[in-house]
């Protein structure tokens, strides 16, 4: 089970956007930095609970000539009440999937999962959305570039769905 905030040293990027400089992978990968900054921004409905990146060459294992670059990001809603409504996460996930499926391709794939998440400060159990994005390429650099483009699409789709959700709530 996931926990929010995830640990004592959690960097709350909504409270302190400049903390993104303390995240090594965000310093190294500009698309991740932009993604974290946008999703934790004042206009966003989200807060990130964590993000990781990984670069692999499956060739050593499978004989495949492709490289992979992947990231995994955990999201909660900045408005804590939304985190206890699984349907909100399902709506975001379905909308995100719909928007991403319009640009199908073999080079980038996204896996969206809703997990149970513990919110100890509120003494409640709710949910979070985990997004795993994997890009393939003929070189490590190409996989990383495709991942960056895919992450930008995920960011746009999330912010679009958030605007839609904000309009629903305002009605």
Foldseek 3Di string as FASTA:
>chain_A
DAEVLRDPPFDWCLVPVVCLVVDVVCVVAVLVNVLQSLCSYPLHQKTWNDKDKDKADCCVPPVDLKIKIKMKIKIATPPNVVQAPVVLVVLLVVQLCVQVVVDDDDFKDKDKDKDWYHYVVVRDIGIIIMIMMMGMDSDRVVNSVVSSVVSVSSSVSNSVSRVVVVVVVVD
